[in-house]
Amino acid sequence: MKNNILVILAFLIIGFACTPKQEAKTIYIVRHAEKMLDSDDPQLNVAGTVRSKKLGQILTDKQIKHAFSTNTIRTKATLQPISNIAGIAIEIYDPQNHDDLVKELRKRKGNAVVVGHSNTVHHLVNYFVSDGEKFSELSDIEYDYIFEVTLEEDGSSNVKRSLFKEY
């Protein structure tokens, strides 16, 4: 009987030791940079090109392993500098299906950056706000925010909102 209990305890200890924990990581969520106003799927304007390069500089030392964008010219262009610097492909996500993106972000190993739109970024960020005040939709002229989501090993998260100029 004593040996059976020891065997069971050994299996339980091994089982708990082998249970994978979520790796701590950071997800940077931003709205696309400033766009031209000439089409339904516009390119970045001069200010937007400057901002996308600044984002690349900000994230250069953040060990970005994944880059997610909606399938628009402006969001992909916003990510292009960090994609080039980090040597990673831009992956397309559906902005109407944040559930799948959040699952994917939690599953992936390593830090990530996600670029969205003024009317979608807050939805994504709010998935990671455990309690307290949720973030509201960005206005059409707000491009300055970087949301830094820290995912801890235990699955908990913390969201910090900063301005580009603070980096």
N, C-alpha and C. Protein backbone atom coordinates (compact mmCIF):
# COMPACT_ATOMS: atom_id res chain seq x y z
N MET A 1 0.83 -1.20 0.00
CA MET A 1 0.00 0.00 0.00
C MET A 1 0.87 1.26 0.00
N LYS A 2 1.90 1.24 0.85
CA LYS A 2 2.80 2.39 0.95
C LYS A 2 3.50 2.64 -0.39
N ASN A 3 3.90 1.57 -1.06
CA ASN A 3 4.55 1.70 -2.36
C ASN A 3 3.60 2.26 -3.41
N ASN A 4 2.33 1.86 -3.36
CA ASN A 4 1.33 2.38 -4.30
C ASN A 4 1.15 3.88 -4.13
N ILE A 5 1.11 4.33 -2.90
CA ILE A 5 0.95 5.77 -2.62
C ILE A 5 2.17 6.53 -3.14
N LEU A 6 3.36 5.98 -2.92
CA LEU A 6 4.58 6.63 -3.41
C LEU A 6 4.59 6.71 -4.93
N VAL A 7 4.15 5.66 -5.60
CA VAL A 7 4.09 5.65 -7.06
C VAL A 7 3.10 6.70 -7.55
N ILE A 8 1.94 6.76 -6.92
CA ILE A 8 0.93 7.76 -7.31
C ILE A 8 1.45 9.17 -7.09
N LEU A 9 2.09 9.41 -5.95
CA LEU A 9 2.67 10.73 -5.67
C LEU A 9 3.74 11.09 -6.70
N ALA A 10 4.56 10.11 -7.06
CA ALA A 10 5.60 10.36 -8.06
C ALA A 10 4.99 10.76 -9.40
N PHE A 11 3.94 10.07 -9.81
CA PHE A 11 3.27 10.42 -11.07
C PHE A 11 2.63 11.81 -11.00
N LEU A 12 2.04 12.14 -9.88
CA LEU A 12 1.44 13.48 -9.72
C LEU A 12 2.50 14.57 -9.79
N ILE A 13 3.62 14.36 -9.11
CA ILE A 13 4.69 15.36 -9.13
C ILE A 13 5.24 15.52 -10.54
N ILE A 14 5.47 14.41 -11.21
CA ILE A 14 5.97 14.47 -12.60
C ILE A 14 4.94 15.15 -13.49
N GLY A 15 3.67 14.82 -13.30
CA GLY A 15 2.61 15.43 -14.11
C GLY A 15 2.56 16.94 -13.95
N PHE A 16 2.65 17.42 -12.72
CA PHE A 16 2.63 18.87 -12.49
C PHE A 16 3.89 19.53 -13.02
N ALA A 17 5.02 18.85 -12.90
CA ALA A 17 6.27 19.42 -13.39
C ALA A 17 6.27 19.51 -14.91
N CYS A 18 5.57 18.60 -15.57
CA CYS A 18 5.55 18.58 -17.04
C CYS A 18 4.43 19.43 -17.63
N THR A 19 3.56 19.95 -16.80
CA THR A 19 2.48 20.79 -17.30
C THR A 19 3.08 22.08 -17.85
N PRO A 20 2.89 22.35 -19.14
CA PRO A 20 3.51 23.54 -19.70
C PRO A 20 2.85 24.82 -19.18
N LYS A 21 3.70 25.74 -18.80
CA LYS A 21 3.21 27.06 -18.41
C LYS A 21 3.26 27.95 -19.63
N GLN A 22 2.43 28.95 -19.63
CA GLN A 22 2.48 29.94 -20.70
C GLN A 22 3.75 30.75 -20.51
N GLU A 23 4.47 30.96 -21.55
CA GLU A 23 5.68 31.77 -21.50
C GLU A 23 5.30 33.24 -21.34
N ALA A 24 5.98 33.94 -20.45
CA ALA A 24 5.74 35.38 -20.31
C ALA A 24 6.16 36.06 -21.61
N LYS A 25 5.37 37.04 -22.03
CA LYS A 25 5.66 37.74 -23.29
C LYS A 25 4.96 39.08 -23.30
N THR A 26 5.32 39.89 -24.28
CA THR A 26 4.72 41.20 -24.44
C THR A 26 4.14 41.31 -25.84
N ILE A 27 2.94 41.88 -25.91
CA ILE A 27 2.28 42.12 -27.19
C ILE A 27 2.09 43.63 -27.31
N TYR A 28 2.58 44.18 -28.39
CA TYR A 28 2.43 45.62 -28.66
C TYR A 28 1.29 45.78 -29.66
N ILE A 29 0.31 46.59 -29.30
CA ILE A 29 -0.87 46.79 -30.16
C ILE A 29 -0.96 48.26 -30.51
N VAL A 30 -1.01 48.55 -31.80
CA VAL A 30 -1.07 49.94 -32.26
C VAL A 30 -2.09 50.08 -33.39
N ARG A 31 -2.52 51.29 -33.56
CA ARG A 31 -3.33 51.63 -34.73
C ARG A 31 -2.36 51.86 -35.89
N HIS A 32 -2.81 51.61 -37.10
CA HIS A 32 -1.96 51.90 -38.26
C HIS A 32 -1.55 53.37 -38.23
N ALA A 33 -0.45 53.67 -38.90
CA ALA A 33 0.05 55.04 -38.96
C ALA A 33 -0.84 55.89 -39.88
N GLU A 34 -0.56 57.19 -39.89
CA GLU A 34 -1.37 58.15 -40.65
C GLU A 34 -1.45 57.75 -42.13
N LYS A 35 -2.65 57.91 -42.68
CA LYS A 35 -2.92 57.45 -44.04
C LYS A 35 -3.28 58.62 -44.96
N MET A 36 -3.15 58.35 -46.24
CA MET A 36 -3.63 59.30 -47.25
C MET A 36 -5.15 59.22 -47.26
N LEU A 37 -5.80 60.20 -47.79
CA LEU A 37 -7.26 60.23 -47.80
C LEU A 37 -7.82 60.09 -49.21
N ASP A 38 -7.12 59.33 -50.05
CA ASP A 38 -7.48 59.30 -51.47
C ASP A 38 -8.16 58.02 -51.95
N SER A 39 -8.38 57.04 -51.07
CA SER A 39 -9.02 55.81 -51.54
C SER A 39 -9.59 55.02 -50.36
N ASP A 40 -10.27 53.93 -50.67
CA ASP A 40 -10.81 53.06 -49.63
C ASP A 40 -9.72 52.25 -48.93
N ASP A 41 -8.63 52.01 -49.62
CA ASP A 41 -7.50 51.26 -49.05
C ASP A 41 -6.22 52.07 -49.29
N PRO A 42 -6.08 53.18 -48.57
CA PRO A 42 -4.98 54.11 -48.85
C PRO A 42 -3.63 53.65 -48.32
N GLN A 43 -2.61 54.25 -48.89
CA GLN A 43 -1.25 54.07 -48.42
C GLN A 43 -1.00 55.03 -47.26
N LEU A 44 0.16 54.90 -46.63
CA LEU A 44 0.54 55.85 -45.59
C LEU A 44 0.94 57.17 -46.22
N ASN A 45 0.64 58.26 -45.53
CA ASN A 45 1.14 59.56 -45.99
C ASN A 45 2.54 59.76 -45.42
N VAL A 46 3.13 60.93 -45.61
CA VAL A 46 4.50 61.18 -45.16
C VAL A 46 4.62 61.00 -43.65
N ALA A 47 3.69 61.57 -42.89
CA ALA A 47 3.72 61.42 -41.42
C ALA A 47 3.58 59.95 -41.02
N GLY A 48 2.76 59.22 -41.74
CA GLY A 48 2.58 57.80 -41.46
C GLY A 48 3.83 56.99 -41.73
N THR A 49 4.52 57.32 -42.80
CA THR A 49 5.78 56.64 -43.11
C THR A 49 6.81 56.89 -42.02
N VAL A 50 6.86 58.14 -41.54
CA VAL A 50 7.77 58.48 -40.44
C VAL A 50 7.39 57.69 -39.19
N ARG A 51 6.09 57.63 -38.88
CA ARG A 51 5.64 56.91 -37.68
C ARG A 51 5.95 55.41 -37.79
N SER A 52 5.76 54.83 -38.97
CA SER A 52 6.04 53.39 -39.12
C SER A 52 7.52 53.10 -38.88
N LYS A 53 8.38 54.00 -39.35
CA LYS A 53 9.82 53.84 -39.10
C LYS A 53 10.13 53.99 -37.61
N LYS A 54 9.46 54.93 -36.96
CA LYS A 54 9.63 55.12 -35.52
C LYS A 54 9.20 53.87 -34.76
N LEU A 55 8.08 53.27 -35.17
CA LEU A 55 7.63 52.02 -34.54
C LEU A 55 8.69 50.94 -34.69
N GLY A 56 9.27 50.85 -35.88
CA GLY A 56 10.35 49.88 -36.10
C GLY A 56 11.52 50.13 -35.16
N GLN A 57 11.88 51.40 -34.96
CA GLN A 57 12.97 51.74 -34.05
C GLN A 57 12.62 51.38 -32.60
N ILE A 58 11.38 51.70 -32.21
CA ILE A 58 10.93 51.42 -30.84
C ILE A 58 11.00 49.92 -30.55
N LEU A 59 10.60 49.11 -31.51
CA LEU A 59 10.49 47.67 -31.30
C LEU A 59 11.75 46.89 -31.64
N THR A 60 12.77 47.57 -32.15
CA THR A 60 13.99 46.89 -32.58
C THR A 60 14.57 45.98 -31.51
N ASP A 61 14.65 46.44 -30.28
CA ASP A 61 15.28 45.64 -29.22
C ASP A 61 14.26 44.87 -28.37
N LYS A 62 13.05 44.70 -28.87
CA LYS A 62 11.99 44.03 -28.11
C LYS A 62 11.83 42.55 -28.48
N GLN A 63 12.73 42.01 -29.27
CA GLN A 63 12.70 40.60 -29.68
C GLN A 63 11.33 40.19 -30.23
N ILE A 64 10.84 40.95 -31.19
CA ILE A 64 9.55 40.65 -31.82
C ILE A 64 9.69 39.40 -32.68
N LYS A 65 8.82 38.43 -32.43
CA LYS A 65 8.83 37.16 -33.17
C LYS A 65 7.64 37.01 -34.11
N HIS A 66 6.58 37.84 -33.89
CA HIS A 66 5.36 37.71 -34.68
C HIS A 66 4.80 39.10 -34.97
N ALA A 67 4.32 39.28 -36.19
CA ALA A 67 3.72 40.55 -36.60
C ALA A 67 2.37 40.26 -37.26
N PHE A 68 1.31 40.85 -36.71
CA PHE A 68 -0.04 40.62 -37.21
C PHE A 68 -0.64 41.92 -37.73
N SER A 69 -1.31 41.83 -38.87
CA SER A 69 -1.91 42.99 -39.51
C SER A 69 -3.24 42.59 -40.14
N THR A 70 -4.13 43.57 -40.23
CA THR A 70 -5.31 43.34 -41.06
C THR A 70 -4.84 43.39 -42.51
N ASN A 71 -5.69 43.02 -43.42
CA ASN A 71 -5.30 42.93 -44.83
C ASN A 71 -5.56 44.25 -45.56
N THR A 72 -4.93 45.31 -45.07
CA THR A 72 -5.02 46.61 -45.75
C THR A 72 -3.62 47.14 -46.01
N ILE A 73 -3.50 47.99 -46.99
CA ILE A 73 -2.20 48.56 -47.33
C ILE A 73 -1.61 49.31 -46.15
N ARG A 74 -2.40 50.14 -45.48
CA ARG A 74 -1.89 51.00 -44.40
C ARG A 74 -1.42 50.21 -43.18
N THR A 75 -2.11 49.12 -42.83
CA THR A 75 -1.67 48.35 -41.66
C THR A 75 -0.40 47.56 -41.99
N LYS A 76 -0.35 46.98 -43.17
CA LYS A 76 0.85 46.23 -43.56
C LYS A 76 2.05 47.17 -43.70
N ALA A 77 1.82 48.37 -44.23
CA ALA A 77 2.92 49.33 -44.38
C ALA A 77 3.41 49.81 -43.01
N THR A 78 2.51 49.91 -42.04
CA THR A 78 2.91 50.30 -40.69
C THR A 78 3.85 49.26 -40.09
N LEU A 79 3.62 48.00 -40.40
CA LEU A 79 4.44 46.91 -39.85
C LEU A 79 5.71 46.62 -40.64
N GLN A 80 5.78 47.09 -41.87
CA GLN A 80 6.88 46.69 -42.74
C GLN A 80 8.27 46.96 -42.16
N PRO A 81 8.53 48.12 -41.55
CA PRO A 81 9.87 48.33 -41.00
C PRO A 81 10.27 47.30 -39.93
N ILE A 82 9.38 46.99 -39.00
CA ILE A 82 9.75 46.00 -37.97
C ILE A 82 9.82 44.60 -38.57
N SER A 83 9.00 44.32 -39.56
CA SER A 83 9.07 43.04 -40.25
C SER A 83 10.45 42.87 -40.89
N ASN A 84 10.92 43.93 -41.53
CA ASN A 84 12.24 43.89 -42.17
C ASN A 84 13.35 43.76 -41.13
N ILE A 85 13.27 44.55 -40.06
CA ILE A 85 14.31 44.54 -39.02
C ILE A 85 14.38 43.17 -38.34
N ALA A 86 13.23 42.63 -37.97
CA ALA A 86 13.18 41.36 -37.23
C ALA A 86 13.29 40.14 -38.14
N GLY A 87 13.13 40.35 -39.45
CA GLY A 87 13.20 39.23 -40.39
C GLY A 87 12.03 38.28 -40.24
N ILE A 88 10.84 38.84 -40.01
CA ILE A 88 9.64 38.02 -39.83
C ILE A 88 8.58 38.41 -40.85
N ALA A 89 7.72 37.46 -41.16
CA ALA A 89 6.63 37.71 -42.10
C ALA A 89 5.48 38.40 -41.38
N ILE A 90 4.72 39.18 -42.13
CA ILE A 90 3.50 39.79 -41.60
C ILE A 90 2.37 38.79 -41.81
N GLU A 91 1.69 38.46 -40.73
CA GLU A 91 0.57 37.52 -40.78
C GLU A 91 -0.74 38.30 -40.74
N ILE A 92 -1.67 37.91 -41.58
CA ILE A 92 -2.95 38.60 -41.70
C ILE A 92 -3.96 38.01 -40.71
N TYR A 93 -4.69 38.90 -40.03
CA TYR A 93 -5.77 38.46 -39.15
C TYR A 93 -7.06 39.17 -39.53
N ASP A 94 -8.16 38.59 -39.11
CA ASP A 94 -9.49 39.13 -39.37
C ASP A 94 -9.88 40.06 -38.22
N PRO A 95 -10.04 41.36 -38.47
CA PRO A 95 -10.37 42.29 -37.38
C PRO A 95 -11.76 42.08 -36.81
N GLN A 96 -12.57 41.28 -37.46
CA GLN A 96 -13.91 40.98 -36.95
C GLN A 96 -13.91 39.71 -36.08
N ASN A 97 -12.74 39.09 -35.94
CA ASN A 97 -12.65 37.85 -35.16
C ASN A 97 -11.48 37.93 -34.18
N HIS A 98 -11.63 38.76 -33.18
CA HIS A 98 -10.56 38.92 -32.20
C HIS A 98 -10.36 37.68 -31.33
N ASP A 99 -11.40 36.87 -31.16
CA ASP A 99 -11.27 35.66 -30.34
C ASP A 99 -10.13 34.78 -30.86
N ASP A 100 -10.12 34.53 -32.17
CA ASP A 100 -9.08 33.68 -32.75
C ASP A 100 -7.70 34.32 -32.62
N LEU A 101 -7.62 35.63 -32.82
CA LEU A 101 -6.33 36.31 -32.71
C LEU A 101 -5.81 36.23 -31.27
N VAL A 102 -6.67 36.46 -30.30
CA VAL A 102 -6.25 36.39 -28.90
C VAL A 102 -5.75 34.99 -28.55
N LYS A 103 -6.47 33.96 -29.01
CA LYS A 103 -6.02 32.58 -28.77
C LYS A 103 -4.65 32.35 -29.39
N GLU A 104 -4.46 32.85 -30.60
CA GLU A 104 -3.19 32.69 -31.30
C GLU A 104 -2.07 33.43 -30.56
N LEU A 105 -2.34 34.64 -30.11
CA LEU A 105 -1.34 35.42 -29.38
C LEU A 105 -0.94 34.72 -28.07
N ARG A 106 -1.91 34.17 -27.39
CA ARG A 106 -1.62 33.47 -26.13
C ARG A 106 -0.82 32.18 -26.38
N LYS A 107 -1.08 31.53 -27.50
CA LYS A 107 -0.44 30.25 -27.83
C LYS A 107 1.00 30.44 -28.30
N ARG A 108 1.26 31.48 -29.04
CA ARG A 108 2.59 31.69 -29.63
C ARG A 108 3.64 31.97 -28.57
N LYS A 109 4.85 31.57 -28.88
CA LYS A 109 5.99 31.89 -28.01
C LYS A 109 6.65 33.15 -28.55
N GLY A 110 7.04 34.01 -27.66
CA GLY A 110 7.75 35.22 -28.05
C GLY A 110 6.85 36.43 -28.15
N ASN A 111 7.48 37.58 -28.22
CA ASN A 111 6.77 38.86 -28.28
C ASN A 111 6.16 39.08 -29.66
N ALA A 112 5.10 39.88 -29.68
CA ALA A 112 4.38 40.12 -30.94
C ALA A 112 3.97 41.58 -31.04
N VAL A 113 3.68 41.99 -32.26
CA VAL A 113 3.10 43.30 -32.53
C VAL A 113 1.87 43.09 -33.40
N VAL A 114 0.82 43.85 -33.08
CA VAL A 114 -0.44 43.77 -33.82
C VAL A 114 -0.81 45.18 -34.25
N VAL A 115 -1.14 45.34 -35.53
CA VAL A 115 -1.60 46.63 -36.03
C VAL A 115 -3.06 46.50 -36.46
N GLY A 116 -3.87 47.44 -35.97
CA GLY A 116 -5.29 47.44 -36.29
C GLY A 116 -5.76 48.81 -36.69
N HIS A 117 -7.01 49.10 -36.40
CA HIS A 117 -7.67 50.33 -36.83
C HIS A 117 -8.27 51.07 -35.64
N SER A 118 -8.65 52.32 -35.86
CA SER A 118 -9.19 53.14 -34.77
C SER A 118 -10.41 52.50 -34.12
N ASN A 119 -11.18 51.78 -34.89
CA ASN A 119 -12.41 51.19 -34.35
C ASN A 119 -12.26 49.72 -33.95
N THR A 120 -11.03 49.18 -33.99
CA THR A 120 -10.83 47.78 -33.58
C THR A 120 -9.78 47.60 -32.50
N VAL A 121 -8.81 48.50 -32.43
CA VAL A 121 -7.71 48.34 -31.48
C VAL A 121 -8.21 48.20 -30.04
N HIS A 122 -9.17 49.03 -29.66
CA HIS A 122 -9.65 48.99 -28.27
C HIS A 122 -10.32 47.65 -27.94
N HIS A 123 -11.01 47.06 -28.91
CA HIS A 123 -11.63 45.75 -28.67
C HIS A 123 -10.56 44.71 -28.33
N LEU A 124 -9.50 44.71 -29.12
CA LEU A 124 -8.42 43.75 -28.90
C LEU A 124 -7.73 44.00 -27.56
N VAL A 125 -7.39 45.24 -27.28
CA VAL A 125 -6.72 45.57 -26.02
C VAL A 125 -7.58 45.17 -24.83
N ASN A 126 -8.88 45.41 -24.92
CA ASN A 126 -9.78 45.13 -23.79
C ASN A 126 -9.90 43.64 -23.45
N TYR A 127 -9.52 42.76 -24.38
CA TYR A 127 -9.47 41.33 -24.06
C TYR A 127 -8.48 41.07 -22.92
N PHE A 128 -7.49 41.93 -22.80
CA PHE A 128 -6.41 41.72 -21.83
C PHE A 128 -6.56 42.57 -20.57
N VAL A 129 -7.61 43.38 -20.49
CA VAL A 129 -7.87 44.19 -19.29
C VAL A 129 -8.68 43.31 -18.34
N SER A 130 -8.05 42.90 -17.25
CA SER A 130 -8.73 41.97 -16.34
C SER A 130 -9.79 42.66 -15.50
N ASP A 131 -9.47 43.78 -14.95
CA ASP A 131 -10.47 44.54 -14.21
C ASP A 131 -10.11 46.02 -14.30
N GLY A 132 -11.05 46.84 -13.95
CA GLY A 132 -10.82 48.26 -14.09
C GLY A 132 -11.45 48.80 -15.36
N GLU A 133 -11.10 50.00 -15.66
CA GLU A 133 -11.71 50.70 -16.79
C GLU A 133 -11.19 50.16 -18.12
N LYS A 134 -12.09 49.94 -19.03
CA LYS A 134 -11.75 49.48 -20.37
C LYS A 134 -11.38 50.68 -21.24
N PHE A 135 -10.66 50.41 -22.31
CA PHE A 135 -10.26 51.47 -23.24
C PHE A 135 -11.38 51.73 -24.24
N SER A 136 -11.54 52.99 -24.63
CA SER A 136 -12.57 53.35 -25.59
C SER A 136 -11.99 53.42 -26.99
N GLU A 137 -12.87 53.49 -27.96
CA GLU A 137 -12.48 53.56 -29.37
C GLU A 137 -11.62 54.79 -29.61
N LEU A 138 -10.62 54.65 -30.46
CA LEU A 138 -9.77 55.78 -30.82
C LEU A 138 -10.52 56.67 -31.81
N SER A 139 -10.24 57.95 -31.74
CA SER A 139 -10.85 58.86 -32.71
C SER A 139 -10.09 58.75 -34.03
N ASP A 140 -10.65 59.31 -35.07
CA ASP A 140 -10.02 59.24 -36.40
C ASP A 140 -8.67 59.95 -36.46
N ILE A 141 -8.38 60.82 -35.50
CA ILE A 141 -7.11 61.56 -35.54
C ILE A 141 -6.10 61.08 -34.49
N GLU A 142 -6.41 59.99 -33.80
CA GLU A 142 -5.49 59.47 -32.77
C GLU A 142 -4.61 58.36 -33.35
N TYR A 143 -3.32 58.66 -33.42
CA TYR A 143 -2.34 57.70 -33.92
C TYR A 143 -1.21 57.47 -32.93
N ASP A 144 -1.22 58.19 -31.82
CA ASP A 144 -0.07 58.28 -30.92
C ASP A 144 0.10 57.15 -29.92
N TYR A 145 -0.87 56.26 -29.78
CA TYR A 145 -0.83 55.30 -28.69
C TYR A 145 -0.18 53.98 -29.05
N ILE A 146 0.59 53.47 -28.10
CA ILE A 146 1.11 52.11 -28.15
C ILE A 146 0.58 51.42 -26.90
N PHE A 147 -0.15 50.34 -27.10
CA PHE A 147 -0.66 49.55 -25.98
C PHE A 147 0.31 48.38 -25.78
N GLU A 148 0.86 48.30 -24.59
CA GLU A 148 1.82 47.25 -24.26
C GLU A 148 1.13 46.26 -23.32
N VAL A 149 0.88 45.07 -23.83
CA VAL A 149 0.20 44.03 -23.06
C VAL A 149 1.25 43.03 -22.59
N THR A 150 1.36 42.89 -21.28
CA THR A 150 2.26 41.90 -20.70
C THR A 150 1.44 40.69 -20.29
N LEU A 151 1.77 39.55 -20.88
CA LEU A 151 1.12 38.28 -20.51
C LEU A 151 2.08 37.52 -19.61
N GLU A 152 1.64 37.23 -18.40
CA GLU A 152 2.48 36.53 -17.43
C GLU A 152 2.37 35.02 -17.62
N GLU A 153 3.28 34.29 -16.99
CA GLU A 153 3.28 32.83 -17.10
C GLU A 153 1.99 32.21 -16.61
N ASP A 154 1.36 32.83 -15.62
CA ASP A 154 0.13 32.27 -15.05
C ASP A 154 -1.11 32.63 -15.87
N GLY A 155 -0.92 33.34 -17.00
CA GLY A 155 -2.04 33.70 -17.86
C GLY A 155 -2.62 35.07 -17.57
N SER A 156 -2.21 35.69 -16.47
CA SER A 156 -2.72 37.02 -16.16
C SER A 156 -2.08 38.04 -17.11
N SER A 157 -2.70 39.19 -17.20
CA SER A 157 -2.19 40.21 -18.12
C SER A 157 -2.26 41.59 -17.50
N ASN A 158 -1.44 42.47 -18.04
CA ASN A 158 -1.40 43.86 -17.62
C ASN A 158 -1.29 44.71 -18.89
N VAL A 159 -2.04 45.80 -18.95
CA VAL A 159 -2.02 46.66 -20.13
C VAL A 159 -1.53 48.05 -19.73
N LYS A 160 -0.57 48.53 -20.49
CA LYS A 160 -0.04 49.88 -20.28
C LYS A 160 -0.20 50.64 -21.59
N ARG A 161 -0.79 51.84 -21.51
CA ARG A 161 -0.94 52.68 -22.70
C ARG A 161 0.09 53.79 -22.63
N SER A 162 0.87 53.92 -23.70
CA SER A 162 1.90 54.95 -23.77
C SER A 162 1.77 55.72 -25.07
N LEU A 163 2.47 56.82 -25.13
CA LEU A 163 2.55 57.61 -26.36
C LEU A 163 3.86 57.28 -27.07
N PHE A 164 3.87 57.38 -28.38
CA PHE A 164 5.08 57.14 -29.16
C PHE A 164 6.24 57.96 -28.61
N LYS A 165 5.98 59.22 -28.25
CA LYS A 165 7.06 60.11 -27.82
C LYS A 165 7.67 59.68 -26.49
N GLU A 166 7.03 58.78 -25.76
CA GLU A 166 7.56 58.31 -24.48
C GLU A 166 8.63 57.23 -24.67
N TYR A 167 8.82 56.77 -25.88
CA TYR A 167 9.82 55.73 -26.14
C TYR A 167 11.10 56.33 -26.64
